[in-house]
């Protein structure tokens, strides 16, 4: 059986954090450059929310990675 919604949110959030840290960005810097509130970025990284496709697109653009890279787990 596949992953639950909560498991997917946690995996995606963890992957975003990993990429962000590899790029040397703070949550605040990622938030500012992607146009998303930093508390929202924090909640995404912690897997606490199921974010929109558009926000994932904005994050991937800011991190300069294809969206598919966010889903590699």
Protein backbone atom coordinates (compact mmCIF):
# COMPACT_ATOMS: atom_id res chain seq x y z
CA UNK A 1 0.00 0.00 0.00
CA UNK A 2 1.10 3.59 -0.66
CA UNK A 3 2.03 6.36 1.72
CA UNK A 4 -0.58 8.27 3.70
CA UNK A 5 -1.16 11.97 3.12
CA UNK A 6 0.67 12.78 6.36
CA UNK A 7 3.66 10.61 5.40
CA UNK A 8 3.89 12.31 2.01
CA UNK A 9 3.74 15.77 3.60
CA UNK A 10 6.56 14.84 6.00
CA UNK A 11 8.70 13.34 3.23
CA UNK A 12 8.22 16.35 0.95
CA UNK A 13 8.94 18.76 3.81
CA UNK A 14 12.05 16.86 4.79
CA UNK A 15 13.26 16.91 1.20
CA UNK A 16 12.68 20.67 0.92
CA UNK A 17 14.66 21.23 4.12
CA UNK A 18 17.49 19.03 2.84
CA UNK A 19 17.72 20.93 -0.45
CA UNK A 20 17.42 24.31 1.29
CA UNK A 21 20.23 23.47 3.69
CA UNK A 22 22.40 22.15 0.83
CA UNK A 23 21.91 25.53 -0.86
CA UNK A 24 22.89 27.35 2.34
CA UNK A 25 19.55 29.15 2.64
CA UNK A 26 17.74 29.99 5.85
CA UNK A 27 13.99 29.52 6.12
CA UNK A 28 13.67 33.30 6.11
CA UNK A 29 15.69 33.66 2.90
CA UNK A 30 13.71 30.91 1.15
CA UNK A 31 10.48 32.52 2.31
CA UNK A 32 11.47 35.97 1.10
CA UNK A 33 12.68 34.78 -2.30
CA UNK A 34 9.69 32.51 -2.90
CA UNK A 35 7.08 34.98 -1.63
CA UNK A 36 5.81 32.59 1.04
CA UNK A 37 5.60 33.51 4.73
CA UNK A 38 8.45 31.96 6.73
CA UNK A 39 6.03 30.35 9.20
CA UNK A 40 4.37 28.64 6.24
CA UNK A 41 7.76 27.36 5.00
CA UNK A 42 8.47 26.03 8.50
CA UNK A 43 5.12 24.21 8.62
CA UNK A 44 5.74 22.76 5.14
CA UNK A 45 9.19 21.51 6.15
CA UNK A 46 7.78 19.92 9.30
CA UNK A 47 5.07 18.18 7.27
CA UNK A 48 2.36 19.87 9.29
CA UNK A 49 0.41 21.11 6.27
CA UNK A 50 -0.56 19.87 2.83
CA UNK A 51 0.60 22.82 0.73
CA UNK A 52 -0.50 23.84 -2.74
CA UNK A 53 1.11 22.86 -6.02
CA UNK A 54 1.79 26.54 -6.68
CA UNK A 55 3.72 26.95 -3.43
CA UNK A 56 5.77 23.84 -4.23
CA UNK A 57 6.45 25.35 -7.64
CA UNK A 58 7.59 28.63 -6.05
CA UNK A 59 9.83 26.77 -3.61
CA UNK A 60 11.39 24.61 -6.33
CA UNK A 61 12.07 27.68 -8.48
CA UNK A 62 13.72 29.47 -5.58
CA UNK A 63 15.81 26.39 -4.78
CA UNK A 64 16.62 26.08 -8.50
CA UNK A 65 15.58 22.43 -8.71
CA UNK A 66 12.94 20.74 -10.84
CA UNK A 67 9.73 20.09 -8.90
CA UNK A 68 10.26 16.36 -9.32
CA UNK A 69 13.38 16.59 -7.12
CA UNK A 70 11.17 17.56 -4.19
CA UNK A 71 9.38 14.21 -4.54
CA UNK A 72 12.49 12.01 -4.48
CA UNK A 73 12.34 10.10 -1.23
